[in-house]
Amino acid sequence: MQQGSRSKEIVQITTDLVGAGVERVCYVHPEDPDKAIKIPVIKDNRQSRREVKYYRKLVKRKGISFDHCPRYYGFVKTNLGDGFVVDLIRDYDGEVSKPLSWYLENEMEVSELPPYLDELKNYFLSNLIIFNYDMGLHNLLFQKCAPDKMRLVMIDGLGDTVAVTWLNLFASHVRSKINRRFSRFLQALYASQQVVAHKDLLKQSVRQ
């Protein structure tokens, strides 16, 4: 079966659950370990509709880089319901990439974040890719591309939540929107429990 085809063949999900949210679940594609199938679990899943609509626009644009977000491959029917196929973000060793929150809780210092955050922001700006307001620790993965190279990849939240989108035809408007939303994201990030916990530990070590 071709990925993203309109075939009526039903894909049997027997693979591992990659992640689960309020609106959908994500499984390893049983026919391709480098892809994932996202399946809505609620009837009115606006997030998936918005994301798919935006993915289709990106696919039509030439020269788009997918270094920091998964590629989209279309719809698929499964035994758990209709879903859509995207890249499954894996590290160079084949392991599924872990979220930013895991690294902040385990082995990464807050002071290491800025270069990766700058790279992510510049990616959105250079490719004019819009993300919605709920981008955060839960939908950013840290992908290990090599033993000494990592990058942030946003796996959920593409597209715009505003009702009037015609202004997005203008690059200057899109860049302003990206800058505003990224600033809000940074404020939320540095106020998160994981980052605050790191700051508290740093203060304690300084006192000692």
C-alpha atoms as a PDB file:
ATOM      1  CA  MET A   1       0.000   0.000   0.000  1.00  0.00           C
ATOM      2  CA  GLN A   2       1.293   3.437  -0.880  1.00  0.00           C
ATOM      3  CA  GLN A   3       1.655   5.936   1.945  1.00  0.00           C
ATOM      4  CA  GLY A   4      -1.060   8.562   1.854  1.00  0.00           C
ATOM      5  CA  SER A   5      -2.971   6.884  -0.979  1.00  0.00           C
ATOM      6  CA  ARG A   6      -6.740   6.901  -1.202  1.00  0.00           C
ATOM      7  CA  SER A   7      -6.911   3.109  -1.140  1.00  0.00           C
ATOM      8  CA  LYS A   8      -9.778   1.598   0.821  1.00  0.00           C
ATOM      9  CA  GLU A   9      -7.435  -1.003   2.278  1.00  0.00           C
ATOM     10  CA  ILE A  10      -7.517  -0.801   6.064  1.00  0.00           C
ATOM     11  CA  VAL A  11      -4.161  -0.696   7.813  1.00  0.00           C
ATOM     12  CA  GLN A  12      -4.133  -2.849  10.925  1.00  0.00           C
ATOM     13  CA  ILE A  13      -2.512  -1.017  13.825  1.00  0.00           C
ATOM     14  CA  THR A  14      -0.501  -3.587  15.782  1.00  0.00           C
ATOM     15  CA  THR A  15       2.491  -1.378  16.489  1.00  0.00           C
ATOM     16  CA  ASP A  16       3.588   0.681  19.488  1.00  0.00           C
ATOM     17  CA  LEU A  17       1.777   3.748  20.693  1.00  0.00           C
ATOM     18  CA  VAL A  18       4.169   6.669  20.248  1.00  0.00           C
ATOM     19  CA  GLY A  19       2.120   9.261  22.082  1.00  0.00           C
ATOM     20  CA  ALA A  20      -1.397  10.185  23.182  1.00  0.00           C
ATOM     21  CA  GLY A  21      -3.078  13.533  23.678  1.00  0.00           C
ATOM     22  CA  VAL A  22      -6.546  14.832  24.393  1.00  0.00           C
ATOM     23  CA  GLU A  23      -7.544  14.913  20.721  1.00  0.00           C
ATOM     24  CA  ARG A  24      -5.558  12.108  19.072  1.00  0.00           C
ATOM     25  CA  VAL A  25      -3.180   9.187  19.408  1.00  0.00           C
ATOM     26  CA  CYS A  26      -0.043   8.425  17.411  1.00  0.00           C
ATOM     27  CA  TYR A  27       1.231   4.971  16.399  1.00  0.00           C
ATOM     28  CA  VAL A  28       4.247   3.675  14.524  1.00  0.00           C
ATOM     29  CA  HIS A  29       3.101   2.888  10.981  1.00  0.00           C
ATOM     30  CA  PRO A  30       2.960  -0.934  10.747  1.00  0.00           C
ATOM     31  CA  GLU A  31       4.295  -0.847   7.173  1.00  0.00           C
ATOM     32  CA  ASP A  32       7.037   1.736   7.656  1.00  0.00           C
ATOM     33  CA  PRO A  33       8.894   2.218  10.974  1.00  0.00           C
ATOM     34  CA  ASP A  34      10.044   5.675   9.873  1.00  0.00           C
ATOM     35  CA  LYS A  35       6.477   6.987   9.670  1.00  0.00           C
ATOM     36  CA  ALA A  36       3.702   7.539  12.181  1.00  0.00           C
ATOM     37  CA  ILE A  37      -0.083   7.524  11.933  1.00  0.00           C
ATOM     38  CA  LYS A  38      -2.011  10.173  13.867  1.00  0.00           C
ATOM     39  CA  ILE A  39      -5.588   9.146  14.652  1.00  0.00           C
ATOM     40  CA  PRO A  40      -8.213  11.479  16.150  1.00  0.00           C
ATOM     41  CA  VAL A  41      -9.960  10.165  19.255  1.00  0.00           C
ATOM     42  CA  ILE A  42     -12.668  12.825  19.427  1.00  0.00           C
ATOM     43  CA  LYS A  43     -15.396  13.550  16.896  1.00  0.00           C
ATOM     44  CA  ASP A  44     -14.736  17.253  16.414  1.00  0.00           C
ATOM     45  CA  ASN A  45     -10.973  17.333  15.965  1.00  0.00           C
ATOM     46  CA  ARG A  46     -10.260  20.861  14.782  1.00  0.00           C
ATOM     47  CA  GLN A  47      -6.560  20.503  15.487  1.00  0.00           C
ATOM     48  CA  SER A  48      -6.115  17.691  12.963  1.00  0.00           C
ATOM     49  CA  ARG A  49      -8.211  19.419  10.319  1.00  0.00           C
ATOM     50  CA  ARG A  50      -6.233  22.638  10.722  1.00  0.00           C
ATOM     51  CA  GLU A  51      -2.906  20.831  10.670  1.00  0.00           C
ATOM     52  CA  VAL A  52      -3.723  18.759   7.592  1.00  0.00           C
ATOM     53  CA  LYS A  53      -5.012  21.820   5.749  1.00  0.00           C
ATOM     54  CA  TYR A  54      -1.764  23.636   6.456  1.00  0.00           C
ATOM     55  CA  TYR A  55       0.372  20.623   5.567  1.00  0.00           C
ATOM     56  CA  ARG A  56      -1.298  20.510   2.159  1.00  0.00           C
ATOM     57  CA  LYS A  57      -0.348  24.134   1.589  1.00  0.00           C
ATOM     58  CA  LEU A  58       3.262  23.433   2.564  1.00  0.00           C
ATOM     59  CA  VAL A  59       3.474  20.459   0.221  1.00  0.00           C
ATOM     60  CA  LYS A  60       2.465  22.695  -2.695  1.00  0.00           C
ATOM     61  CA  ARG A  61       5.140  25.277  -1.912  1.00  0.00           C
ATOM     62  CA  LYS A  62       8.546  24.807  -3.501  1.00  0.00           C
ATOM     63  CA  GLY A  63      11.782  24.882  -1.560  1.00  0.00           C
ATOM     64  CA  ILE A  64      10.277  24.159   1.850  1.00  0.00           C
ATOM     65  CA  SER A  65      12.648  22.540   4.339  1.00  0.00           C
ATOM     66  CA  PHE A  66      11.319  19.866   6.676  1.00  0.00           C
ATOM     67  CA  ASP A  67      14.347  19.844   8.961  1.00  0.00           C
ATOM     68  CA  HIS A  68      12.309  20.969  11.976  1.00  0.00           C
ATOM     69  CA  CYS A  69       8.867  19.491  11.315  1.00  0.00           C
ATOM     70  CA  PRO A  70       7.672  16.141   9.927  1.00  0.00           C
ATOM     71  CA  ARG A  71       6.704  15.639   6.317  1.00  0.00           C
ATOM     72  CA  TYR A  72       3.064  14.854   5.563  1.00  0.00           C
ATOM     73  CA  TYR A  73       2.050  11.866   3.408  1.00  0.00           C
ATOM     74  CA  GLY A  74      -1.749  11.972   3.330  1.00  0.00           C
ATOM     75  CA  PHE A  75      -4.720  10.106   4.802  1.00  0.00           C
ATOM     76  CA  VAL A  76      -4.976   6.439   5.633  1.00  0.00           C
ATOM     77  CA  LYS A  77      -7.732   4.166   6.915  1.00  0.00           C
ATOM     78  CA  THR A  78      -6.930   2.001   9.944  1.00  0.00           C
ATOM     79  CA  ASN A  79      -8.741  -0.442  12.202  1.00  0.00           C
ATOM     80  CA  LEU A  80      -8.749   2.336  14.829  1.00  0.00           C
ATOM     81  CA  GLY A  81     -10.229   4.961  12.516  1.00  0.00           C
ATOM     82  CA  ASP A  82      -9.087   7.361   9.818  1.00  0.00           C
ATOM     83  CA  GLY A  83      -5.739   9.019  10.370  1.00  0.00           C
ATOM     84  CA  PHE A  84      -2.951  10.782   8.539  1.00  0.00           C
ATOM     85  CA  VAL A  85       0.668   9.830   7.977  1.00  0.00           C
ATOM     86  CA  VAL A  86       3.739  11.875   8.864  1.00  0.00           C
ATOM     87  CA  ASP A  87       7.430  11.238   9.479  1.00  0.00           C
ATOM     88  CA  LEU A  88       8.229   9.538  12.766  1.00  0.00           C
ATOM     89  CA  ILE A  89      11.100  11.525  14.256  1.00  0.00           C
ATOM     90  CA  ARG A  90      13.910   9.164  15.218  1.00  0.00           C
ATOM     91  CA  ASP A  91      17.461   9.681  16.447  1.00  0.00           C
ATOM     92  CA  TYR A  92      20.469   8.579  14.400  1.00  0.00           C
ATOM     93  CA  ASP A  93      20.513   5.288  16.355  1.00  0.00           C
ATOM     94  CA  GLY A  94      16.910   4.455  15.461  1.00  0.00           C
ATOM     95  CA  GLU A  95      15.342   5.358  18.804  1.00  0.00           C
ATOM     96  CA  VAL A  96      12.229   7.536  18.743  1.00  0.00           C
ATOM     97  CA  SER A  97      13.323  11.064  19.637  1.00  0.00           C
ATOM     98  CA  LYS A  98      12.476  12.244  23.139  1.00  0.00           C
ATOM     99  CA  PRO A  99      10.603  15.469  23.975  1.00  0.00           C
ATOM    100  CA  LEU A 100      12.329  18.617  25.136  1.00  0.00           C
ATOM    101  CA  SER A 101      10.710  18.152  28.548  1.00  0.00           C
ATOM    102  CA  TRP A 102      12.559  14.825  29.018  1.00  0.00           C
ATOM    103  CA  TYR A 103      15.933  16.431  28.344  1.00  0.00           C
ATOM    104  CA  LEU A 104      15.246  19.305  30.736  1.00  0.00           C
ATOM    105  CA  GLU A 105      14.271  16.838  33.450  1.00  0.00           C
ATOM    106  CA  ASN A 106      17.257  14.565  32.900  1.00  0.00           C
ATOM    107  CA  GLU A 107      20.432  15.693  31.191  1.00  0.00           C
ATOM    108  CA  MET A 108      20.229  19.184  29.706  1.00  0.00           C
ATOM    109  CA  GLU A 109      20.933  22.521  31.332  1.00  0.00           C
ATOM    110  CA  VAL A 110      18.724  25.515  30.566  1.00  0.00           C
ATOM    111  CA  SER A 111      21.828  27.442  29.482  1.00  0.00           C
ATOM    112  CA  GLU A 112      22.243  25.012  26.563  1.00  0.00           C
ATOM    113  CA  LEU A 113      18.874  25.871  25.006  1.00  0.00           C
ATOM    114  CA  PRO A 114      19.362  29.272  23.246  1.00  0.00           C
ATOM    115  CA  PRO A 115      21.252  28.042  20.140  1.00  0.00           C
ATOM    116  CA  TYR A 116      18.628  25.373  19.468  1.00  0.00           C
ATOM    117  CA  LEU A 117      15.784  27.822  20.048  1.00  0.00           C
ATOM    118  CA  ASP A 118      17.395  30.377  17.736  1.00  0.00           C
ATOM    119  CA  GLU A 119      17.793  27.735  15.043  1.00  0.00           C
ATOM    120  CA  LEU A 120      14.116  26.763  15.368  1.00  0.00           C
ATOM    121  CA  LYS A 121      12.917  30.360  15.185  1.00  0.00           C
ATOM    122  CA  ASN A 122      15.092  31.097  12.145  1.00  0.00           C
ATOM    123  CA  TYR A 123      13.693  27.970  10.492  1.00  0.00           C
ATOM    124  CA  PHE A 124      10.124  29.224  10.889  1.00  0.00           C
ATOM    125  CA  LEU A 125      11.093  32.678   9.635  1.00  0.00           C
ATOM    126  CA  SER A 126      13.103  31.551   6.615  1.00  0.00           C
ATOM    127  CA  ASN A 127      10.415  29.064   5.516  1.00  0.00           C
ATOM    128  CA  LEU A 128       7.456  31.279   6.532  1.00  0.00           C
ATOM    129  CA  ILE A 129       5.942  28.424   8.541  1.00  0.00           C
ATOM    130  CA  ILE A 130       3.175  29.404  10.972  1.00  0.00           C
ATOM    131  CA  PHE A 131       2.579  27.578  14.250  1.00  0.00           C
ATOM    132  CA  ASN A 132      -0.299  28.100  16.667  1.00  0.00           C
ATOM    133  CA  TYR A 133      -0.229  29.375  20.229  1.00  0.00           C
ATOM    134  CA  ASP A 134       0.096  26.045  22.047  1.00  0.00           C
ATOM    135  CA  MET A 135       3.594  25.127  20.929  1.00  0.00           C
ATOM    136  CA  GLY A 136       5.458  23.984  24.026  1.00  0.00           C
ATOM    137  CA  LEU A 137       7.502  21.302  25.748  1.00  0.00           C
ATOM    138  CA  HIS A 138       4.905  18.658  24.917  1.00  0.00           C
ATOM    139  CA  ASN A 139       5.154  19.004  21.128  1.00  0.00           C
ATOM    140  CA  LEU A 140       8.848  19.716  20.636  1.00  0.00           C
ATOM    141  CA  LEU A 141      11.242  16.807  20.244  1.00  0.00           C
ATOM    142  CA  PHE A 142      15.016  16.912  20.517  1.00  0.00           C
ATOM    143  CA  GLN A 143      16.286  14.830  17.634  1.00  0.00           C
ATOM    144  CA  LYS A 144      19.822  13.448  17.829  1.00  0.00           C
ATOM    145  CA  CYS A 145      20.975  13.681  14.204  1.00  0.00           C
ATOM    146  CA  ALA A 146      24.473  12.462  15.135  1.00  0.00           C
ATOM    147  CA  PRO A 147      26.390  11.834  18.387  1.00  0.00           C
ATOM    148  CA  ASP A 148      27.351  15.519  18.515  1.00  0.00           C
ATOM    149  CA  LYS A 149      24.425  17.126  16.693  1.00  0.00           C
ATOM    150  CA  MET A 150      20.852  17.776  17.856  1.00  0.00           C
ATOM    151  CA  ARG A 151      17.919  19.854  16.688  1.00  0.00           C
ATOM    152  CA  LEU A 152      14.414  20.716  17.848  1.00  0.00           C
ATOM    153  CA  VAL A 153      11.528  19.326  15.800  1.00  0.00           C
ATOM    154  CA  MET A 154       7.936  20.494  16.223  1.00  0.00           C
ATOM    155  CA  ILE A 155       5.575  17.540  15.822  1.00  0.00           C
ATOM    156  CA  ASP A 156       2.209  19.231  16.520  1.00  0.00           C
ATOM    157  CA  GLY A 157       0.689  22.665  16.168  1.00  0.00           C
ATOM    158  CA  LEU A 158       1.273  23.724  12.567  1.00  0.00           C
ATOM    159  CA  GLY A 159      -1.139  26.201  11.032  1.00  0.00           C
ATOM    160  CA  ASP A 160      -3.082  29.229  12.162  1.00  0.00           C
ATOM    161  CA  THR A 161      -5.989  29.482  14.576  1.00  0.00           C
ATOM    162  CA  VAL A 162      -7.260  32.888  13.436  1.00  0.00           C
ATOM    163  CA  ALA A 163     -10.466  33.216  11.415  1.00  0.00           C
ATOM    164  CA  VAL A 164      -9.066  35.698   8.883  1.00  0.00           C
ATOM    165  CA  THR A 165      -6.025  34.209   7.149  1.00  0.00           C
ATOM    166  CA  TRP A 166      -5.714  36.224   3.912  1.00  0.00           C
ATOM    167  CA  LEU A 167      -3.084  38.446   5.551  1.00  0.00           C
ATOM    168  CA  ASN A 168      -0.854  35.361   5.652  1.00  0.00           C
ATOM    169  CA  LEU A 169      -0.322  35.915   1.934  1.00  0.00           C
ATOM    170  CA  PHE A 170       2.113  38.677   2.878  1.00  0.00           C
ATOM    171  CA  ALA A 171       5.562  37.525   4.014  1.00  0.00           C
ATOM    172  CA  SER A 172       6.061  40.543   6.272  1.00  0.00           C
ATOM    173  CA  HIS A 173       2.833  39.765   8.134  1.00  0.00           C
ATOM    174  CA  VAL A 174       3.803  36.109   8.559  1.00  0.00           C
ATOM    175  CA  ARG A 175       7.231  37.032   9.925  1.00  0.00           C
ATOM    176  CA  SER A 176       5.681  39.461  12.424  1.00  0.00           C
ATOM    177  CA  LYS A 177       3.247  36.753  13.535  1.00  0.00           C
ATOM    178  CA  ILE A 178       6.067  34.213  13.942  1.00  0.00           C
ATOM    179  CA  ASN A 179       8.129  36.657  16.003  1.00  0.00           C
ATOM    180  CA  ARG A 180       5.180  37.446  18.303  1.00  0.00           C
ATOM    181  CA  ARG A 181       4.226  33.836  18.827  1.00  0.00           C
ATOM    182  CA  PHE A 182       7.790  32.710  19.377  1.00  0.00           C
ATOM    183  CA  SER A 183       8.225  35.392  22.041  1.00  0.00           C
ATOM    184  CA  ARG A 184       5.128  34.082  23.819  1.00  0.00           C
ATOM    185  CA  PHE A 185       6.442  30.560  23.506  1.00  0.00           C
ATOM    186  CA  LEU A 186       9.758  31.577  25.102  1.00  0.00           C
ATOM    187  CA  GLN A 187       7.950  33.258  27.996  1.00  0.00           C
ATOM    188  CA  ALA A 188       5.930  30.101  28.621  1.00  0.00           C
ATOM    189  CA  LEU A 189       9.009  27.900  28.226  1.00  0.00           C
ATOM    190  CA  TYR A 190      11.120  29.758  30.770  1.00  0.00           C
ATOM    191  CA  ALA A 191       8.182  29.813  33.191  1.00  0.00           C
ATOM    192  CA  SER A 192       7.613  26.051  32.883  1.00  0.00           C
ATOM    193  CA  GLN A 193       8.106  23.738  35.853  1.00  0.00           C
ATOM    194  CA  GLN A 194      11.049  21.974  34.216  1.00  0.00           C
ATOM    195  CA  VAL A 195      12.981  25.186  33.627  1.00  0.00           C
ATOM    196  CA  VAL A 196      12.091  26.671  37.009  1.00  0.00           C
ATOM    197  CA  ALA A 197      13.274  23.461  38.675  1.00  0.00           C
ATOM    198  CA  HIS A 198      16.625  23.784  36.882  1.00  0.00           C
ATOM    199  CA  LYS A 199      16.968  27.376  38.022  1.00  0.00           C
ATOM    200  CA  ASP A 200      16.235  26.378  41.608  1.00  0.00           C
ATOM    201  CA  LEU A 201      18.887  23.642  41.492  1.00  0.00           C
ATOM    202  CA  LEU A 202      21.385  26.099  40.066  1.00  0.00           C
ATOM    203  CA  LYS A 203      20.688  28.567  42.881  1.00  0.00           C
ATOM    204  CA  GLN A 204      21.175  25.816  45.476  1.00  0.00           C
ATOM    205  CA  SER A 205      24.502  24.752  43.952  1.00  0.00           C
ATOM    206  CA  VAL A 206      25.703  28.369  43.957  1.00  0.00           C
ATOM    207  CA  ARG A 207      24.822  28.770  47.640  1.00  0.00           C
ATOM    208  CA  GLN A 208      26.746  25.594  48.482  1.00  0.00           C
END
